Amino acid sequence: MFKTILRTCMEGQYMTETQAEQTMNEIMSGQATPSQIASLLTVMRFRGETVDEMTGFARSMRAHSIRIPTDDIPVVDTCGTGGDDLQTFNVSTATAIVLSGMGVPVAKHGNRAVSSKSGSADVLEALNIPTQYTKEEARQSLLDSNLSFLFAPLYHQSMKHAVVPRKEIGFRTIFNLLGPLTNPAGAKHQLIGVYNHEFAKKMAETLIRLNTSRALFVTGGEGLDELSITTESKVIEVNGESQQIYTIAPEDVGLKRGVLQDIQVKNPVESAKVIQQVLKGEANESALGIVIFNTAAALYVAKRVESIHEGVASVKNAIYSGAVYNHYQYLQKEKQHHA
């Protein structure tokens, strides 16, 4: 079947949702060769992926992934698409740590760097924060410290067949867009950074079909896969089956505009250093501002505050009171405890 689908896609046609799901099933079960996978990903990226295709792929990935039982925990995810090429520190990871320090359970879905300088797994290692290796550990960590890091390859083991083709072609593919849509903890509240607003629109449509309860898709004006501290950001807010699109700037929520260079890093070690300064409340204004902004948005997604503006005050309070840094030290102790 794969060759037939490949041929029709080459001719400029699109897959139905069912065809996409079957095609992804073939990739997941190892029936497609690496060059077939690379060809399909390339054709799809070149002509543009459809919502039908993304939904079919996501359904298959969800069906094949290891799931964490979290029906009793109101889990939030802060997983972005990555790949914005702007070399910023790991804002979504910092956001996850701050949120968990404020009592919000976060199941952070992520990976090592695939299309950026520093993936969330790389920076957590540099921060000396444990990653969980089984779904039981992940659930326990959510209960103990409100934070579990879901290292994507452990939960999406069937994706191993696509790893080599993805690495070898080296550009962003549909898989960058699918990561945030396939959280193993089934997070119903998500803050999803997307480097391109057009992709964000497709992802929002896909997530509505997959029955999420609330999500914010955010794209910084400079192509950042976070809410930007330096310029306006476009937001798609999904509530059940409805969605609205709006623009938001730092000053709309009481924050000052920052400077891009102040949030850029060269490697995971530098990223970890900036995050530690943020958690202490001692980072430069831009670094602090972008984490406060994104954490406030995540609080809003989690229905902990009525507005992002209200969230900003709560986050500042949590950081400057020392509660967040204490929580970070607790997370590090957990690592020693498990070692």
C-alpha atoms as a PDB file:
ATOM      1  CA  MET A   1       0.000   0.000   0.000  1.00  0.00           C
ATOM      2  CA  PHE A   2       2.815   2.403   0.852  1.00  0.00           C
ATOM      3  CA  LYS A   3       4.108   2.611  -2.734  1.00  0.00           C
ATOM      4  CA  THR A   4       0.614   3.385  -4.015  1.00  0.00           C
ATOM      5  CA  ILE A   5       0.141   6.172  -1.475  1.00  0.00           C
ATOM      6  CA  LEU A   6       3.585   7.541  -2.288  1.00  0.00           C
ATOM      7  CA  ARG A   7       2.715   7.624  -5.975  1.00  0.00           C
ATOM      8  CA  THR A   8      -0.591   9.446  -5.426  1.00  0.00           C
ATOM      9  CA  CYS A   9       1.132  11.988  -3.141  1.00  0.00           C
ATOM     10  CA  MET A  10       3.842  12.507  -5.784  1.00  0.00           C
ATOM     11  CA  GLU A  11       1.053  13.323  -8.246  1.00  0.00           C
ATOM     12  CA  GLY A  12      -0.094  16.106  -5.959  1.00  0.00           C
ATOM     13  CA  GLN A  13      -3.005  14.310  -4.331  1.00  0.00           C
ATOM     14  CA  TYR A  14      -3.743  14.145  -0.601  1.00  0.00           C
ATOM     15  CA  MET A  15      -4.482  11.266   1.751  1.00  0.00           C
ATOM     16  CA  THR A  16      -7.842  10.909   3.463  1.00  0.00           C
ATOM     17  CA  GLU A  17      -7.770  10.676   7.259  1.00  0.00           C
ATOM     18  CA  THR A  18      -8.201   6.882   7.057  1.00  0.00           C
ATOM     19  CA  GLN A  19      -5.448   6.489   4.439  1.00  0.00           C
ATOM     20  CA  ALA A  20      -3.120   8.627   6.559  1.00  0.00           C
ATOM     21  CA  GLU A  21      -3.832   6.488   9.626  1.00  0.00           C
ATOM     22  CA  GLN A  22      -3.141   3.280   7.653  1.00  0.00           C
ATOM     23  CA  THR A  23       0.051   4.746   6.183  1.00  0.00           C
ATOM     24  CA  MET A  24       1.278   5.737   9.640  1.00  0.00           C
ATOM     25  CA  ASN A  25       0.411   2.246  10.907  1.00  0.00           C
ATOM     26  CA  GLU A  26       2.751   0.855   8.224  1.00  0.00           C
ATOM     27  CA  ILE A  27       5.544   3.229   9.322  1.00  0.00           C
ATOM     28  CA  MET A  28       4.983   2.289  12.979  1.00  0.00           C
ATOM     29  CA  SER A  29       5.035  -1.437  12.328  1.00  0.00           C
ATOM     30  CA  GLY A  30       8.266  -1.300  10.334  1.00  0.00           C
ATOM     31  CA  GLN A  31       6.677  -2.198   6.984  1.00  0.00           C
ATOM     32  CA  ALA A  32       7.893   0.964   5.227  1.00  0.00           C
ATOM     33  CA  THR A  33      11.575   1.266   4.270  1.00  0.00           C
ATOM     34  CA  PRO A  34      13.662   4.252   5.406  1.00  0.00           C
ATOM     35  CA  SER A  35      13.811   5.660   1.867  1.00  0.00           C
ATOM     36  CA  GLN A  36      10.026   5.317   1.476  1.00  0.00           C
ATOM     37  CA  ILE A  37       9.516   7.174   4.772  1.00  0.00           C
ATOM     38  CA  ALA A  38      11.980   9.910   3.763  1.00  0.00           C
ATOM     39  CA  SER A  39      10.280  10.269   0.358  1.00  0.00           C
ATOM     40  CA  LEU A  40       6.808  10.595   1.884  1.00  0.00           C
ATOM     41  CA  LEU A  41       7.924  13.138   4.501  1.00  0.00           C
ATOM     42  CA  THR A  42       9.665  15.179   1.794  1.00  0.00           C
ATOM     43  CA  VAL A  43       6.692  15.193  -0.580  1.00  0.00           C
ATOM     44  CA  MET A  44       4.306  16.138   2.233  1.00  0.00           C
ATOM     45  CA  ARG A  45       6.550  18.961   3.452  1.00  0.00           C
ATOM     46  CA  PHE A  46       6.969  20.257  -0.109  1.00  0.00           C
ATOM     47  CA  ARG A  47       3.253  20.330  -0.953  1.00  0.00           C
ATOM     48  CA  GLY A  48       1.990  21.044   2.579  1.00  0.00           C
ATOM     49  CA  GLU A  49       0.325  18.686   5.077  1.00  0.00           C
ATOM     50  CA  THR A  50      -3.468  18.673   5.426  1.00  0.00           C
ATOM     51  CA  VAL A  51      -5.577  18.487   8.589  1.00  0.00           C
ATOM     52  CA  ASP A  52      -6.899  15.071   7.427  1.00  0.00           C
ATOM     53  CA  GLU A  53      -3.342  13.765   7.124  1.00  0.00           C
ATOM     54  CA  MET A  54      -2.250  15.209  10.466  1.00  0.00           C
ATOM     55  CA  THR A  55      -5.319  13.780  12.216  1.00  0.00           C
ATOM     56  CA  GLY A  56      -4.788  10.306  10.706  1.00  0.00           C
ATOM     57  CA  PHE A  57      -1.099  10.320  11.627  1.00  0.00           C
ATOM     58  CA  ALA A  58      -1.837  11.551  15.170  1.00  0.00           C
ATOM     59  CA  ARG A  59      -4.538   8.894  15.710  1.00  0.00           C
ATOM     60  CA  SER A  60      -2.094   6.169  14.701  1.00  0.00           C
ATOM     61  CA  MET A  61       0.679   7.576  16.905  1.00  0.00           C
ATOM     62  CA  ARG A  62      -1.669   7.818  19.887  1.00  0.00           C
ATOM     63  CA  ALA A  63      -2.840   4.240  19.334  1.00  0.00           C
ATOM     64  CA  HIS A  64       0.756   2.958  19.245  1.00  0.00           C
ATOM     65  CA  SER A  65       2.112   4.982  22.168  1.00  0.00           C
ATOM     66  CA  ILE A  66       2.520   3.907  25.780  1.00  0.00           C
ATOM     67  CA  ARG A  67      -0.101   5.785  27.834  1.00  0.00           C
ATOM     68  CA  ILE A  68       0.174   7.095  31.382  1.00  0.00           C
ATOM     69  CA  PRO A  69      -2.999   6.799  33.476  1.00  0.00           C
ATOM     70  CA  THR A  70      -3.770  10.396  34.499  1.00  0.00           C
ATOM     71  CA  ASP A  71      -7.569  10.588  34.439  1.00  0.00           C
ATOM     72  CA  ASP A  72      -7.474  11.735  38.071  1.00  0.00           C
ATOM     73  CA  ILE A  73      -4.779  14.413  37.484  1.00  0.00           C
ATOM     74  CA  PRO A  74      -5.529  17.686  35.604  1.00  0.00           C
ATOM     75  CA  VAL A  75      -2.331  17.540  33.545  1.00  0.00           C
ATOM     76  CA  VAL A  76      -0.916  20.436  31.507  1.00  0.00           C
ATOM     77  CA  ASP A  77       1.687  20.118  28.722  1.00  0.00           C
ATOM     78  CA  THR A  78       4.004  22.879  27.511  1.00  0.00           C
ATOM     79  CA  CYS A  79       5.482  21.046  24.516  1.00  0.00           C
ATOM     80  CA  GLY A  80       6.277  23.177  21.473  1.00  0.00           C
ATOM     81  CA  THR A  81       7.191  22.150  17.945  1.00  0.00           C
ATOM     82  CA  GLY A  82      10.809  23.287  18.356  1.00  0.00           C
ATOM     83  CA  GLY A  83      12.647  24.164  15.213  1.00  0.00           C
ATOM     84  CA  ASP A  84      12.346  27.940  15.293  1.00  0.00           C
ATOM     85  CA  ASP A  85      16.099  28.311  14.546  1.00  0.00           C
ATOM     86  CA  LEU A  86      16.403  31.265  16.923  1.00  0.00           C
ATOM     87  CA  GLN A  87      18.705  29.589  19.494  1.00  0.00           C
ATOM     88  CA  THR A  88      16.722  30.739  22.518  1.00  0.00           C
ATOM     89  CA  PHE A  89      17.093  28.999  25.859  1.00  0.00           C
ATOM     90  CA  ASN A  90      14.515  26.264  26.611  1.00  0.00           C
ATOM     91  CA  VAL A  91      11.612  28.508  27.552  1.00  0.00           C
ATOM     92  CA  SER A  92       8.981  25.752  27.600  1.00  0.00           C
ATOM     93  CA  THR A  93      11.116  23.641  29.965  1.00  0.00           C
ATOM     94  CA  ALA A  94      11.605  26.619  32.291  1.00  0.00           C
ATOM     95  CA  THR A  95       7.856  27.234  32.099  1.00  0.00           C
ATOM     96  CA  ALA A  96       7.162  23.612  33.073  1.00  0.00           C
ATOM     97  CA  ILE A  97       9.412  23.887  36.150  1.00  0.00           C
ATOM     98  CA  VAL A  98       7.804  27.162  37.285  1.00  0.00           C
ATOM     99  CA  LEU A  99       4.280  25.794  36.746  1.00  0.00           C
ATOM    100  CA  SER A 100       5.016  22.643  38.732  1.00  0.00           C
ATOM    101  CA  GLY A 101       6.431  24.853  41.498  1.00  0.00           C
ATOM    102  CA  MET A 102       3.037  26.602  41.562  1.00  0.00           C
ATOM    103  CA  GLY A 103       1.201  23.319  42.126  1.00  0.00           C
ATOM    104  CA  VAL A 104       0.119  22.682  38.527  1.00  0.00           C
ATOM    105  CA  PRO A 105       0.808  19.077  37.345  1.00  0.00           C
ATOM    106  CA  VAL A 106       2.897  19.210  34.161  1.00  0.00           C
ATOM    107  CA  ALA A 107       3.614  16.259  31.886  1.00  0.00           C
ATOM    108  CA  LYS A 108       6.266  17.764  29.644  1.00  0.00           C
ATOM    109  CA  HIS A 109       6.561  15.841  26.407  1.00  0.00           C
ATOM    110  CA  GLY A 110       9.925  16.323  24.708  1.00  0.00           C
ATOM    111  CA  ASN A 111      13.075  14.975  23.149  1.00  0.00           C
ATOM    112  CA  ARG A 112      16.759  15.532  22.628  1.00  0.00           C
ATOM    113  CA  ALA A 113      17.636  18.240  20.111  1.00  0.00           C
ATOM    114  CA  VAL A 114      16.362  17.213  16.684  1.00  0.00           C
ATOM    115  CA  SER A 115      16.004  20.592  15.014  1.00  0.00           C
ATOM    116  CA  SER A 116      17.384  22.985  17.649  1.00  0.00           C
ATOM    117  CA  LYS A 117      20.629  23.536  19.598  1.00  0.00           C
ATOM    118  CA  SER A 118      19.172  22.190  22.818  1.00  0.00           C
ATOM    119  CA  GLY A 119      16.237  19.822  23.286  1.00  0.00           C
ATOM    120  CA  SER A 120      14.368  19.637  26.601  1.00  0.00           C
ATOM    121  CA  ALA A 121      16.057  16.328  27.496  1.00  0.00           C
ATOM    122  CA  ASP A 122      19.487  17.925  26.992  1.00  0.00           C
ATOM    123  CA  VAL A 123      18.751  20.885  29.242  1.00  0.00           C
ATOM    124  CA  LEU A 124      17.114  18.815  32.009  1.00  0.00           C
ATOM    125  CA  GLU A 125      20.316  16.780  32.165  1.00  0.00           C
ATOM    126  CA  ALA A 126      22.321  20.009  32.548  1.00  0.00           C
ATOM    127  CA  LEU A 127      19.877  21.178  35.255  1.00  0.00           C
ATOM    128  CA  ASN A 128      20.284  17.866  37.097  1.00  0.00           C
ATOM    129  CA  ILE A 129      16.530  17.227  37.028  1.00  0.00           C
ATOM    130  CA  PRO A 130      15.507  13.561  36.698  1.00  0.00           C
ATOM    131  CA  THR A 131      13.711  12.143  33.705  1.00  0.00           C
ATOM    132  CA  GLN A 132      11.401   9.207  34.307  1.00  0.00           C
ATOM    133  CA  TYR A 133      11.950   5.946  32.490  1.00  0.00           C
ATOM    134  CA  THR A 134       8.678   4.085  32.997  1.00  0.00           C
ATOM    135  CA  LYS A 135       5.038   5.151  32.924  1.00  0.00           C
ATOM    136  CA  GLU A 136       4.759   4.132  36.600  1.00  0.00           C
ATOM    137  CA  GLU A 137       7.664   6.430  37.508  1.00  0.00           C
ATOM    138  CA  ALA A 138       6.139   9.221  35.432  1.00  0.00           C
ATOM    139  CA  ARG A 139       2.795   8.959  37.193  1.00  0.00           C
ATOM    140  CA  GLN A 140       4.448   8.829  40.629  1.00  0.00           C
ATOM    141  CA  SER A 141       6.565  11.860  39.785  1.00  0.00           C
ATOM    142  CA  LEU A 142       3.425  13.790  38.814  1.00  0.00           C
ATOM    143  CA  LEU A 143       1.900  12.932  42.179  1.00  0.00           C
ATOM    144  CA  ASP A 144       5.104  13.676  44.153  1.00  0.00           C
ATOM    145  CA  SER A 145       6.400  16.825  42.481  1.00  0.00           C
ATOM    146  CA  ASN A 146       3.820  17.915  39.867  1.00  0.00           C
ATOM    147  CA  LEU A 147       6.370  17.329  37.112  1.00  0.00           C
ATOM    148  CA  SER A 148       7.169  14.440  34.863  1.00  0.00           C
ATOM    149  CA  PHE A 149       9.282  14.604  31.775  1.00  0.00           C
ATOM    150  CA  LEU A 150       8.033  12.292  29.049  1.00  0.00           C
ATOM    151  CA  PHE A 151      11.024  11.468  26.862  1.00  0.00           C
ATOM    152  CA  ALA A 152       9.284  10.891  23.529  1.00  0.00           C
ATOM    153  CA  PRO A 153      11.307   7.840  22.308  1.00  0.00           C
ATOM    154  CA  LEU A 154      10.339   5.863  25.437  1.00  0.00           C
ATOM    155  CA  TYR A 155       6.621   6.392  24.847  1.00  0.00           C
ATOM    156  CA  HIS A 156       6.559   6.298  21.063  1.00  0.00           C
ATOM    157  CA  GLN A 157       8.750   3.261  20.552  1.00  0.00           C
ATOM    158  CA  SER A 158       7.128   2.488  17.194  1.00  0.00           C
ATOM    159  CA  MET A 159       8.536   5.789  15.956  1.00  0.00           C
ATOM    160  CA  LYS A 160      11.997   4.229  15.924  1.00  0.00           C
ATOM    161  CA  HIS A 161      11.526   3.332  12.261  1.00  0.00           C
ATOM    162  CA  ALA A 162      11.282   7.029  11.356  1.00  0.00           C
ATOM    163  CA  VAL A 163      14.277   8.207  13.401  1.00  0.00           C
ATOM    164  CA  VAL A 164      16.987   7.658  10.769  1.00  0.00           C
ATOM    165  CA  PRO A 165      15.037   9.185   7.837  1.00  0.00           C
ATOM    166  CA  ARG A 166      14.175  12.241   9.987  1.00  0.00           C
ATOM    167  CA  LYS A 167      17.794  12.753  11.025  1.00  0.00           C
ATOM    168  CA  GLU A 168      19.138  12.236   7.515  1.00  0.00           C
ATOM    169  CA  ILE A 169      16.786  14.653   5.752  1.00  0.00           C
ATOM    170  CA  GLY A 170      17.420  17.198   8.518  1.00  0.00           C
ATOM    171  CA  PHE A 171      14.531  19.586   7.831  1.00  0.00           C
ATOM    172  CA  ARG A 172      11.335  19.995   9.834  1.00  0.00           C
ATOM    173  CA  THR A 173       8.631  17.512   8.942  1.00  0.00           C
ATOM    174  CA  ILE A 174       5.074  16.653   9.952  1.00  0.00           C
ATOM    175  CA  PHE A 175       6.580  14.877  12.994  1.00  0.00           C
ATOM    176  CA  ASN A 176       7.587  18.251  14.502  1.00  0.00           C
ATOM    177  CA  LEU A 177       3.887  19.146  14.402  1.00  0.00           C
ATOM    178  CA  LEU A 178       2.688  15.790  15.735  1.00  0.00           C
ATOM    179  CA  GLY A 179       4.794  15.711  18.944  1.00  0.00           C
ATOM    180  CA  PRO A 180       2.578  18.205  20.794  1.00  0.00           C
ATOM    181  CA  LEU A 181      -0.579  16.415  19.577  1.00  0.00           C
ATOM    182  CA  THR A 182       0.408  13.019  20.962  1.00  0.00           C
ATOM    183  CA  ASN A 183       1.108  13.605  24.661  1.00  0.00           C
ATOM    184  CA  PRO A 184       1.350  10.167  26.369  1.00  0.00           C
ATOM    185  CA  ALA A 185      -0.326  11.546  29.518  1.00  0.00           C
ATOM    186  CA  GLY A 186      -3.323  12.619  27.438  1.00  0.00           C
ATOM    187  CA  ALA A 187      -2.967  16.241  28.605  1.00  0.00           C
ATOM    188  CA  LYS A 188      -6.269  18.020  28.024  1.00  0.00           C
ATOM    189  CA  HIS A 189      -4.765  21.472  28.684  1.00  0.00           C
ATOM    190  CA  GLN A 190      -1.890  22.524  26.462  1.00  0.00           C
ATOM    191  CA  LEU A 191       0.280  25.533  25.732  1.00  0.00           C
ATOM    192  CA  ILE A 192       1.753  24.724  22.332  1.00  0.00           C
ATOM    193  CA  GLY A 193       4.447  26.893  20.782  1.00  0.00           C
ATOM    194  CA  VAL A 194       4.482  26.689  16.977  1.00  0.00           C
ATOM    195  CA  TYR A 195       7.128  28.413  14.855  1.00  0.00           C
ATOM    196  CA  ASN A 196       4.661  29.194  12.036  1.00  0.00           C
ATOM    197  CA  HIS A 197       1.107  30.551  12.376  1.00  0.00           C
ATOM    198  CA  GLU A 198      -0.189  28.672   9.309  1.00  0.00           C
ATOM    199  CA  PHE A 199       0.946  25.379  10.861  1.00  0.00           C
ATOM    200  CA  ALA A 200      -0.619  26.450  14.154  1.00  0.00           C
ATOM    201  CA  LYS A 201      -3.994  26.802  12.390  1.00  0.00           C
ATOM    202  CA  LYS A 202      -3.754  23.236  11.039  1.00  0.00           C
ATOM    203  CA  MET A 203      -2.664  21.896  14.421  1.00  0.00           C
ATOM    204  CA  ALA A 204      -5.589  23.653  16.117  1.00  0.00           C
ATOM    205  CA  GLU A 205      -8.055  22.051  13.660  1.00  0.00           C
ATOM    206  CA  THR A 206      -6.415  18.666  14.249  1.00  0.00           C
ATOM    207  CA  LEU A 207      -6.572  18.963  18.029  1.00  0.00           C
ATOM    208  CA  ILE A 208     -10.263  19.902  17.868  1.00  0.00           C
ATOM    209  CA  ARG A 209     -10.901  16.656  15.956  1.00  0.00           C
ATOM    210  CA  LEU A 210      -8.930  14.755  18.607  1.00  0.00           C
ATOM    211  CA  ASN A 211     -11.146  16.135  21.427  1.00  0.00           C
ATOM    212  CA  THR A 212      -8.967  18.387  23.531  1.00  0.00           C
ATOM    213  CA  SER A 213     -10.594  20.596  26.151  1.00  0.00           C
ATOM    214  CA  ARG A 214      -8.395  23.699  26.044  1.00  0.00           C
ATOM    215  CA  ALA A 215      -5.245  24.739  24.234  1.00  0.00           C
ATOM    216  CA  LEU A 216      -3.338  27.849  23.250  1.00  0.00           C
ATOM    217  CA  PHE A 217      -1.252  27.697  20.076  1.00  0.00           C
ATOM    218  CA  VAL A 218       1.248  30.548  20.195  1.00  0.00           C
ATOM    219  CA  THR A 219       3.606  31.914  17.533  1.00  0.00           C
ATOM    220  CA  GLY A 220       5.995  34.782  18.265  1.00  0.00           C
ATOM    221  CA  GLY A 221       6.134  37.493  15.600  1.00  0.00           C
ATOM    222  CA  GLU A 222       9.797  36.699  14.912  1.00  0.00           C
ATOM    223  CA  GLY A 223       8.923  33.022  14.282  1.00  0.00           C
ATOM    224  CA  LEU A 224       9.480  31.947  17.884  1.00  0.00           C
ATOM    225  CA  ASP A 225       7.689  28.822  19.109  1.00  0.00           C
ATOM    226  CA  GLU A 226       6.742  30.612  22.338  1.00  0.00           C
ATOM    227  CA  LEU A 227       4.897  33.791  23.302  1.00  0.00           C
ATOM    228  CA  SER A 228       7.433  36.455  22.362  1.00  0.00           C
ATOM    229  CA  ILE A 229       8.816  39.014  24.799  1.00  0.00           C
ATOM    230  CA  THR A 230      10.253  41.138  21.951  1.00  0.00           C
ATOM    231  CA  THR A 231       7.247  41.551  19.653  1.00  0.00           C
ATOM    232  CA  GLU A 232       3.564  40.650  19.206  1.00  0.00           C
ATOM    233  CA  SER A 233       2.508  36.989  19.134  1.00  0.00           C
ATOM    234  CA  LYS A 234      -0.389  35.348  17.355  1.00  0.00           C
ATOM    235  CA  VAL A 235      -2.564  33.119  19.526  1.00  0.00           C
ATOM    236  CA  ILE A 236      -5.154  30.508  18.578  1.00  0.00           C
ATOM    237  CA  GLU A 237      -7.263  29.654  21.598  1.00  0.00           C
ATOM    238  CA  VAL A 238      -9.131  26.355  21.392  1.00  0.00           C
ATOM    239  CA  ASN A 239     -11.988  25.658  23.802  1.00  0.00           C
ATOM    240  CA  GLY A 240     -13.657  22.345  22.998  1.00  0.00           C
ATOM    241  CA  GLU A 241     -14.830  22.731  19.424  1.00  0.00           C
ATOM    242  CA  SER A 242     -14.569  26.511  19.212  1.00  0.00           C
ATOM    243  CA  GLN A 243     -11.503  28.588  18.466  1.00  0.00           C
ATOM    244  CA  GLN A 244     -10.582  32.253  18.364  1.00  0.00           C
ATOM    245  CA  ILE A 245      -7.505  33.978  16.984  1.00  0.00           C
ATOM    246  CA  TYR A 246      -5.969  37.105  18.472  1.00  0.00           C
ATOM    247  CA  THR A 247      -2.691  38.994  18.859  1.00  0.00           C
ATOM    248  CA  ILE A 248      -1.018  39.656  22.204  1.00  0.00           C
ATOM    249  CA  ALA A 249       2.017  41.752  23.154  1.00  0.00           C
ATOM    250  CA  PRO A 250       4.053  41.816  26.389  1.00  0.00           C
ATOM    251  CA  GLU A 251       2.705  45.236  27.381  1.00  0.00           C
ATOM    252  CA  ASP A 252      -0.879  43.912  27.124  1.00  0.00           C
ATOM    253  CA  VAL A 253      -0.184  41.833  30.236  1.00  0.00           C
ATOM    254  CA  GLY A 254       1.992  44.322  32.104  1.00  0.00           C
ATOM    255  CA  LEU A 255       5.417  43.146  30.906  1.00  0.00           C
ATOM    256  CA  LYS A 256       8.173  45.166  29.224  1.00  0.00           C
ATOM    257  CA  ARG A 257       9.407  44.308  25.742  1.00  0.00           C
ATOM    258  CA  GLY A 258      12.720  42.515  25.752  1.00  0.00           C
ATOM    259  CA  VAL A 259      15.704  41.955  23.473  1.00  0.00           C
ATOM    260  CA  LEU A 260      16.166  38.743  21.464  1.00  0.00           C
ATOM    261  CA  GLN A 261      19.942  38.536  22.136  1.00  0.00           C
ATOM    262  CA  ASP A 262      19.225  38.401  25.881  1.00  0.00           C
ATOM    263  CA  ILE A 263      17.409  35.073  25.529  1.00  0.00           C
ATOM    264  CA  GLN A 264      19.747  33.359  23.045  1.00  0.00           C
ATOM    265  CA  VAL A 265      22.209  30.613  24.033  1.00  0.00           C
ATOM    266  CA  LYS A 266      24.800  28.436  22.319  1.00  0.00           C
ATOM    267  CA  ASN A 267      24.252  25.062  24.049  1.00  0.00           C
ATOM    268  CA  PRO A 268      22.319  23.182  26.776  1.00  0.00           C
ATOM    269  CA  VAL A 269      24.762  24.265  29.509  1.00  0.00           C
ATOM    270  CA  GLU A 270      24.170  27.957  28.750  1.00  0.00           C
ATOM    271  CA  SER A 271      20.439  27.296  28.550  1.00  0.00           C
ATOM    272  CA  ALA A 272      20.487  25.628  31.985  1.00  0.00           C
ATOM    273  CA  LYS A 273      22.385  28.598  33.436  1.00  0.00           C
ATOM    274  CA  VAL A 274      19.763  31.076  32.196  1.00  0.00           C
ATOM    275  CA  ILE A 275      16.950  28.859  33.519  1.00  0.00           C
ATOM    276  CA  GLN A 276      18.576  28.676  36.966  1.00  0.00           C
ATOM    277  CA  GLN A 277      18.827  32.484  37.031  1.00  0.00           C
ATOM    278  CA  VAL A 278      15.149  32.734  36.029  1.00  0.00           C
ATOM    279  CA  LEU A 279      14.083  30.323  38.791  1.00  0.00           C
ATOM    280  CA  LYS A 280      16.002  32.441  41.319  1.00  0.00           C
ATOM    281  CA  GLY A 281      14.444  35.632  39.921  1.00  0.00           C
ATOM    282  CA  GLU A 282      17.928  36.896  39.031  1.00  0.00           C
ATOM    283  CA  ALA A 283      17.960  36.600  35.223  1.00  0.00           C
ATOM    284  CA  ASN A 284      17.960  39.545  32.814  1.00  0.00           C
ATOM    285  CA  GLU A 285      14.593  41.204  32.253  1.00  0.00           C
ATOM    286  CA  SER A 286      13.984  39.582  28.833  1.00  0.00           C
ATOM    287  CA  ALA A 287      14.662  36.033  30.081  1.00  0.00           C
ATOM    288  CA  LEU A 288      12.495  36.513  33.163  1.00  0.00           C
ATOM    289  CA  GLY A 289       9.794  38.224  31.116  1.00  0.00           C
ATOM    290  CA  ILE A 290       9.439  35.474  28.522  1.00  0.00           C
ATOM    291  CA  VAL A 291       9.148  32.740  31.177  1.00  0.00           C
ATOM    292  CA  ILE A 292       6.644  34.771  33.214  1.00  0.00           C
ATOM    293  CA  PHE A 293       4.593  35.445  30.061  1.00  0.00           C
ATOM    294  CA  ASN A 294       4.485  31.806  28.936  1.00  0.00           C
ATOM    295  CA  THR A 295       3.849  30.441  32.434  1.00  0.00           C
ATOM    296  CA  ALA A 296       0.979  32.915  32.852  1.00  0.00           C
ATOM    297  CA  ALA A 297      -0.485  31.659  29.562  1.00  0.00           C
ATOM    298  CA  ALA A 298      -0.174  28.060  30.794  1.00  0.00           C
ATOM    299  CA  LEU A 299      -1.977  28.986  34.053  1.00  0.00           C
ATOM    300  CA  TYR A 300      -4.757  30.457  31.911  1.00  0.00           C
ATOM    301  CA  VAL A 301      -4.917  27.287  29.790  1.00  0.00           C
ATOM    302  CA  ALA A 302      -5.112  25.220  32.988  1.00  0.00           C
ATOM    303  CA  LYS A 303      -8.033  27.410  34.145  1.00  0.00           C
ATOM    304  CA  ARG A 304      -6.108  28.478  37.264  1.00  0.00           C
ATOM    305  CA  VAL A 305      -6.553  32.186  36.413  1.00  0.00           C
ATOM    306  CA  GLU A 306      -9.184  34.177  34.505  1.00  0.00           C
ATOM    307  CA  SER A 307      -6.708  35.923  32.197  1.00  0.00           C
ATOM    308  CA  ILE A 308      -3.040  35.862  31.167  1.00  0.00           C
ATOM    309  CA  HIS A 309      -2.639  39.292  32.795  1.00  0.00           C
ATOM    310  CA  GLU A 310      -3.817  37.870  36.118  1.00  0.00           C
ATOM    311  CA  GLY A 311      -1.437  34.941  35.604  1.00  0.00           C
ATOM    312  CA  VAL A 312       1.552  37.303  35.283  1.00  0.00           C
ATOM    313  CA  ALA A 313       1.058  38.604  38.836  1.00  0.00           C
ATOM    314  CA  SER A 314       0.764  35.044  40.220  1.00  0.00           C
ATOM    315  CA  VAL A 315       3.942  33.884  38.464  1.00  0.00           C
ATOM    316  CA  LYS A 316       5.976  36.900  39.608  1.00  0.00           C
ATOM    317  CA  ASN A 317       4.840  36.254  43.144  1.00  0.00           C
ATOM    318  CA  ALA A 318       5.834  32.563  42.964  1.00  0.00           C
ATOM    319  CA  ILE A 319       9.309  33.363  41.579  1.00  0.00           C
ATOM    320  CA  TYR A 320      10.159  36.341  43.803  1.00  0.00           C
ATOM    321  CA  SER A 321       8.929  34.599  46.964  1.00  0.00           C
ATOM    322  CA  GLY A 322      11.574  31.892  46.421  1.00  0.00           C
ATOM    323  CA  ALA A 323       8.920  29.155  46.165  1.00  0.00           C
ATOM    324  CA  VAL A 324       9.912  28.249  42.595  1.00  0.00           C
ATOM    325  CA  TYR A 325      13.627  27.959  43.367  1.00  0.00           C
ATOM    326  CA  ASN A 326      12.877  25.836  46.442  1.00  0.00           C
ATOM    327  CA  HIS A 327      10.839  23.560  44.212  1.00  0.00           C
ATOM    328  CA  TYR A 328      13.749  23.308  41.751  1.00  0.00           C
ATOM    329  CA  GLN A 329      16.058  22.255  44.604  1.00  0.00           C
ATOM    330  CA  TYR A 330      13.462  19.655  45.631  1.00  0.00           C
ATOM    331  CA  LEU A 331      13.439  18.281  42.061  1.00  0.00           C
ATOM    332  CA  GLN A 332      17.226  17.917  42.170  1.00  0.00           C
ATOM    333  CA  LYS A 333      17.001  16.082  45.520  1.00  0.00           C
ATOM    334  CA  GLU A 334      14.495  13.723  43.925  1.00  0.00           C
ATOM    335  CA  LYS A 335      17.219  12.822  41.437  1.00  0.00           C
ATOM    336  CA  GLN A 336      19.699  12.035  44.213  1.00  0.00           C
ATOM    337  CA  HIS A 337      16.961  10.106  45.968  1.00  0.00           C
ATOM    338  CA  HIS A 338      16.437   7.897  42.870  1.00  0.00           C
ATOM    339  CA  ALA A 339      20.135   7.528  42.084  1.00  0.00           C
END
